[in-house]
Amino acid sequence: MNMTYAIYVNNTSRVTSANMHAGKMFENGYMVATLFKTVTPTGELKGKLAEGIITSTNLTGPLSAKSLSDLITLINRGGVYVNVYTEQNPTGEIRGQLSPTSPT
């Protein structure tokens, strides 16, 4: 089993990383998957930051050694958000709660 993802940003620069976190809206949570990471911050972005595939081997923190279905259950319950980090805002520039969608 795997999950595909794509992250799009607009008018964002100096991005250093993007991660999934286990946490409900307005709650901070532990990182559960890395979606993007770079040593050299990006330039100005308007469009796709990253895309990829997540499998159970990519899960970290409280989901380490768990199955992808555990991540999907958290998403379906409103318990996962993505945080995009920049040089200017190393604790988080953009945060978005994930919601379930139908497969395409």
N, C-alpha and C. Protein backbone atom coordinates (compact mmCIF):
# COMPACT_ATOMS: atom_id res chain seq x y z
N MET A 1 0.84 -1.17 0.00
CA MET A 1 0.00 0.00 0.00
C MET A 1 0.89 1.24 0.00
N ASN A 2 0.46 2.26 -0.74
CA ASN A 2 1.19 3.53 -0.72
C ASN A 2 0.23 4.69 -0.90
N MET A 3 0.73 5.88 -0.63
CA MET A 3 -0.04 7.11 -0.75
C MET A 3 0.80 8.11 -1.54
N THR A 4 0.20 8.71 -2.55
CA THR A 4 0.92 9.74 -3.32
C THR A 4 0.53 11.11 -2.77
N TYR A 5 1.45 12.06 -2.91
CA TYR A 5 1.19 13.41 -2.45
C TYR A 5 1.86 14.42 -3.37
N ALA A 6 1.34 15.63 -3.34
CA ALA A 6 1.95 16.78 -4.02
C ALA A 6 1.70 17.99 -3.14
N ILE A 7 2.70 18.84 -3.01
CA ILE A 7 2.59 20.06 -2.23
C ILE A 7 2.79 21.24 -3.16
N TYR A 8 1.84 22.15 -3.16
CA TYR A 8 1.92 23.37 -3.96
C TYR A 8 1.94 24.57 -3.02
N VAL A 9 2.78 25.55 -3.33
CA VAL A 9 2.84 26.79 -2.56
C VAL A 9 2.81 27.96 -3.52
N ASN A 10 2.51 29.13 -3.00
CA ASN A 10 2.44 30.32 -3.83
C ASN A 10 3.13 31.47 -3.10
N ASN A 11 4.03 32.14 -3.80
CA ASN A 11 4.76 33.28 -3.23
C ASN A 11 5.45 32.93 -1.92
N THR A 12 6.14 31.83 -1.92
CA THR A 12 6.88 31.36 -0.77
C THR A 12 8.33 31.16 -1.18
N SER A 13 9.25 31.61 -0.34
CA SER A 13 10.66 31.46 -0.69
C SER A 13 11.45 30.95 0.50
N ARG A 14 12.62 30.45 0.18
CA ARG A 14 13.57 29.94 1.18
C ARG A 14 12.99 28.77 1.98
N VAL A 15 12.24 27.88 1.28
CA VAL A 15 11.68 26.69 1.93
C VAL A 15 12.81 25.72 2.26
N THR A 16 12.77 25.18 3.46
CA THR A 16 13.79 24.23 3.91
C THR A 16 13.25 22.81 4.07
N SER A 17 11.96 22.69 4.42
CA SER A 17 11.38 21.35 4.59
C SER A 17 9.86 21.43 4.65
N ALA A 18 9.24 20.26 4.55
CA ALA A 18 7.80 20.12 4.71
C ALA A 18 7.57 18.73 5.31
N ASN A 19 6.71 18.68 6.32
CA ASN A 19 6.46 17.44 7.04
C ASN A 19 4.99 17.25 7.34
N MET A 20 4.59 15.98 7.48
CA MET A 20 3.27 15.65 8.01
C MET A 20 3.42 15.50 9.51
N HIS A 21 2.40 15.98 10.24
CA HIS A 21 2.38 15.87 11.70
C HIS A 21 1.06 15.27 12.14
N ALA A 22 1.09 14.48 13.20
CA ALA A 22 -0.13 13.98 13.82
C ALA A 22 -0.63 15.05 14.77
N GLY A 23 -1.78 15.64 14.46
CA GLY A 23 -2.35 16.67 15.32
C GLY A 23 -3.63 17.21 14.72
N LYS A 24 -4.60 17.47 15.58
CA LYS A 24 -5.86 18.05 15.11
C LYS A 24 -5.68 19.55 14.89
N MET A 25 -6.66 20.17 14.27
CA MET A 25 -6.62 21.59 14.01
C MET A 25 -6.37 22.35 15.32
N PHE A 26 -5.47 23.30 15.26
CA PHE A 26 -5.07 24.14 16.39
C PHE A 26 -4.25 23.40 17.44
N GLU A 27 -3.83 22.17 17.16
CA GLU A 27 -2.94 21.42 18.04
C GLU A 27 -1.62 21.19 17.33
N ASN A 28 -0.52 21.28 18.06
CA ASN A 28 0.77 20.89 17.52
C ASN A 28 0.97 19.42 17.79
N GLY A 29 1.62 18.74 16.84
CA GLY A 29 1.82 17.31 17.00
C GLY A 29 3.18 16.86 16.52
N TYR A 30 3.45 15.60 16.72
CA TYR A 30 4.72 15.00 16.33
C TYR A 30 4.78 14.75 14.83
N MET A 31 5.97 14.89 14.28
CA MET A 31 6.18 14.61 12.86
C MET A 31 5.97 13.12 12.62
N VAL A 32 5.26 12.81 11.52
CA VAL A 32 5.03 11.40 11.18
C VAL A 32 5.58 11.03 9.80
N ALA A 33 5.94 12.04 8.97
CA ALA A 33 6.55 11.75 7.67
C ALA A 33 7.21 13.03 7.12
N THR A 34 8.37 12.86 6.52
CA THR A 34 9.04 13.95 5.83
C THR A 34 8.58 13.95 4.38
N LEU A 35 8.15 15.11 3.89
CA LEU A 35 7.68 15.23 2.51
C LEU A 35 8.67 15.97 1.62
N PHE A 36 9.47 16.85 2.22
CA PHE A 36 10.47 17.63 1.48
C PHE A 36 11.53 18.08 2.47
N LYS A 37 12.80 17.99 2.06
CA LYS A 37 13.90 18.46 2.89
C LYS A 37 15.07 18.79 1.98
N THR A 38 15.69 19.95 2.24
CA THR A 38 16.84 20.36 1.45
C THR A 38 17.85 21.07 2.34
N VAL A 39 19.13 20.96 1.97
CA VAL A 39 20.18 21.67 2.68
C VAL A 39 20.23 23.13 2.21
N THR A 40 19.97 23.34 0.93
CA THR A 40 19.97 24.68 0.35
C THR A 40 18.53 25.15 0.17
N PRO A 41 18.11 26.20 0.91
CA PRO A 41 16.73 26.67 0.77
C PRO A 41 16.38 27.01 -0.68
N THR A 42 15.12 26.84 -1.00
CA THR A 42 14.64 27.10 -2.36
C THR A 42 14.65 28.59 -2.66
N GLY A 43 14.47 28.93 -3.91
CA GLY A 43 14.22 30.31 -4.31
C GLY A 43 12.73 30.57 -4.17
N GLU A 44 12.26 31.64 -4.79
CA GLU A 44 10.83 31.97 -4.79
C GLU A 44 10.05 30.86 -5.48
N LEU A 45 8.98 30.40 -4.85
CA LEU A 45 8.18 29.32 -5.41
C LEU A 45 6.76 29.78 -5.68
N LYS A 46 6.27 29.35 -6.82
CA LYS A 46 4.87 29.56 -7.20
C LYS A 46 4.47 28.31 -7.98
N GLY A 47 4.03 27.29 -7.24
CA GLY A 47 3.70 26.03 -7.88
C GLY A 47 4.12 24.86 -7.02
N LYS A 48 4.49 23.77 -7.68
CA LYS A 48 4.80 22.53 -6.98
C LYS A 48 6.12 22.62 -6.22
N LEU A 49 6.05 22.34 -4.94
CA LEU A 49 7.23 22.25 -4.09
C LEU A 49 7.78 20.83 -4.11
N ALA A 50 6.90 19.85 -3.99
CA ALA A 50 7.35 18.46 -3.90
C ALA A 50 6.21 17.52 -4.26
N GLU A 51 6.60 16.32 -4.66
CA GLU A 51 5.64 15.24 -4.86
C GLU A 51 6.36 13.94 -4.57
N GLY A 52 5.60 12.93 -4.24
CA GLY A 52 6.23 11.66 -3.93
C GLY A 52 5.23 10.61 -3.51
N ILE A 53 5.78 9.55 -2.95
CA ILE A 53 4.99 8.40 -2.50
C ILE A 53 5.39 8.09 -1.07
N ILE A 54 4.41 7.87 -0.23
CA ILE A 54 4.66 7.48 1.15
C ILE A 54 4.26 6.02 1.31
N THR A 55 5.13 5.25 1.95
CA THR A 55 4.82 3.88 2.34
C THR A 55 5.03 3.78 3.85
N SER A 56 4.72 2.66 4.43
CA SER A 56 4.88 2.50 5.87
C SER A 56 6.33 2.68 6.31
N THR A 57 7.28 2.43 5.42
CA THR A 57 8.69 2.59 5.80
C THR A 57 9.08 4.06 5.96
N ASN A 58 8.26 4.99 5.46
CA ASN A 58 8.53 6.43 5.59
C ASN A 58 7.97 7.01 6.88
N LEU A 59 7.20 6.26 7.61
CA LEU A 59 6.56 6.78 8.81
C LEU A 59 7.54 6.88 9.96
N THR A 60 7.41 7.99 10.73
CA THR A 60 8.31 8.25 11.86
C THR A 60 7.50 8.61 13.10
N GLY A 61 8.19 8.90 14.17
CA GLY A 61 7.54 9.34 15.40
C GLY A 61 6.54 8.32 15.90
N PRO A 62 5.34 8.78 16.30
CA PRO A 62 4.36 7.85 16.86
C PRO A 62 3.84 6.81 15.86
N LEU A 63 4.09 7.02 14.57
CA LEU A 63 3.66 6.04 13.57
C LEU A 63 4.80 5.13 13.10
N SER A 64 5.98 5.31 13.66
CA SER A 64 7.11 4.45 13.31
C SER A 64 6.74 3.00 13.56
N ALA A 65 7.05 2.14 12.60
CA ALA A 65 6.76 0.70 12.67
C ALA A 65 5.27 0.40 12.62
N LYS A 66 4.46 1.36 12.21
CA LYS A 66 3.02 1.13 12.04
C LYS A 66 2.73 1.04 10.55
N SER A 67 1.49 0.75 10.22
CA SER A 67 1.12 0.61 8.81
C SER A 67 0.59 1.92 8.25
N LEU A 68 0.56 2.01 6.94
CA LEU A 68 0.04 3.20 6.28
C LEU A 68 -1.44 3.39 6.60
N SER A 69 -2.13 2.29 6.85
CA SER A 69 -3.55 2.41 7.20
C SER A 69 -3.73 3.20 8.51
N ASP A 70 -2.74 3.17 9.40
CA ASP A 70 -2.81 3.97 10.62
C ASP A 70 -2.75 5.47 10.29
N LEU A 71 -1.91 5.85 9.34
CA LEU A 71 -1.86 7.24 8.89
C LEU A 71 -3.17 7.64 8.23
N ILE A 72 -3.71 6.78 7.41
CA ILE A 72 -4.98 7.07 6.73
C ILE A 72 -6.11 7.25 7.74
N THR A 73 -6.13 6.42 8.76
CA THR A 73 -7.14 6.56 9.81
C THR A 73 -7.04 7.92 10.49
N LEU A 74 -5.82 8.34 10.80
CA LEU A 74 -5.62 9.67 11.41
C LEU A 74 -6.10 10.79 10.49
N ILE A 75 -5.77 10.69 9.20
CA ILE A 75 -6.21 11.70 8.24
C ILE A 75 -7.74 11.75 8.20
N ASN A 76 -8.39 10.59 8.12
CA ASN A 76 -9.85 10.52 8.07
C ASN A 76 -10.52 11.11 9.31
N ARG A 77 -9.79 11.10 10.41
CA ARG A 77 -10.33 11.66 11.67
C ARG A 77 -9.94 13.13 11.86
N GLY A 78 -9.29 13.72 10.85
CA GLY A 78 -8.88 15.12 10.97
C GLY A 78 -7.67 15.31 11.85
N GLY A 79 -6.84 14.28 11.96
CA GLY A 79 -5.72 14.32 12.89
C GLY A 79 -4.35 14.44 12.26
N VAL A 80 -4.24 14.98 11.03
CA VAL A 80 -2.94 15.14 10.38
C VAL A 80 -2.90 16.49 9.67
N TYR A 81 -1.78 17.18 9.83
CA TYR A 81 -1.56 18.43 9.10
C TYR A 81 -0.19 18.42 8.46
N VAL A 82 -0.02 19.29 7.47
CA VAL A 82 1.28 19.48 6.81
C VAL A 82 1.80 20.85 7.20
N ASN A 83 3.07 20.91 7.54
CA ASN A 83 3.72 22.17 7.88
C ASN A 83 4.87 22.37 6.91
N VAL A 84 4.94 23.56 6.30
CA VAL A 84 6.03 23.94 5.40
C VAL A 84 6.90 24.93 6.15
N TYR A 85 8.19 24.66 6.21
CA TYR A 85 9.13 25.47 6.97
C TYR A 85 10.02 26.29 6.02
N THR A 86 10.33 27.50 6.43
CA THR A 86 11.23 28.36 5.67
C THR A 86 12.36 28.86 6.57
N GLU A 87 13.37 29.42 5.93
CA GLU A 87 14.46 30.02 6.70
C GLU A 87 13.92 31.13 7.62
N GLN A 88 13.01 31.93 7.10
CA GLN A 88 12.46 33.04 7.88
C GLN A 88 11.57 32.56 9.03
N ASN A 89 10.90 31.43 8.83
CA ASN A 89 9.99 30.87 9.83
C ASN A 89 10.30 29.40 10.06
N PRO A 90 11.38 29.13 10.82
CA PRO A 90 11.82 27.74 11.00
C PRO A 90 10.85 26.89 11.82
N THR A 91 9.87 27.50 12.48
CA THR A 91 8.88 26.72 13.22
C THR A 91 7.61 26.51 12.41
N GLY A 92 7.58 27.05 11.18
CA GLY A 92 6.45 26.82 10.29
C GLY A 92 5.97 28.08 9.62
N GLU A 93 5.98 28.08 8.30
CA GLU A 93 5.51 29.20 7.48
C GLU A 93 4.04 29.00 7.09
N ILE A 94 3.71 27.79 6.69
CA ILE A 94 2.36 27.46 6.21
C ILE A 94 1.95 26.14 6.85
N ARG A 95 0.72 26.11 7.34
CA ARG A 95 0.19 24.87 7.92
C ARG A 95 -1.18 24.61 7.31
N GLY A 96 -1.43 23.34 6.96
CA GLY A 96 -2.72 22.98 6.41
C GLY A 96 -3.18 21.63 6.91
N GLN A 97 -4.39 21.57 7.41
CA GLN A 97 -4.98 20.32 7.88
C GLN A 97 -5.36 19.47 6.68
N LEU A 98 -5.07 18.18 6.73
CA LEU A 98 -5.44 17.28 5.64
C LEU A 98 -6.86 16.76 5.83
N SER A 99 -7.52 16.54 4.72
CA SER A 99 -8.84 15.94 4.74
C SER A 99 -8.88 14.84 3.70
N PRO A 100 -9.69 13.84 3.92
CA PRO A 100 -9.72 12.71 2.97
C PRO A 100 -10.31 13.11 1.63
N THR A 101 -9.78 12.50 0.57
CA THR A 101 -10.32 12.67 -0.78
C THR A 101 -10.43 11.30 -1.41
N SER A 102 -11.19 11.22 -2.44
CA SER A 102 -11.32 9.95 -3.18
C SER A 102 -10.08 9.76 -4.05
N PRO A 103 -9.64 8.53 -4.26
CA PRO A 103 -8.50 8.28 -5.14
C PRO A 103 -8.83 8.69 -6.58
N THR A 104 -7.80 9.16 -7.27
CA THR A 104 -7.99 9.55 -8.68
C THR A 104 -7.33 8.56 -9.60
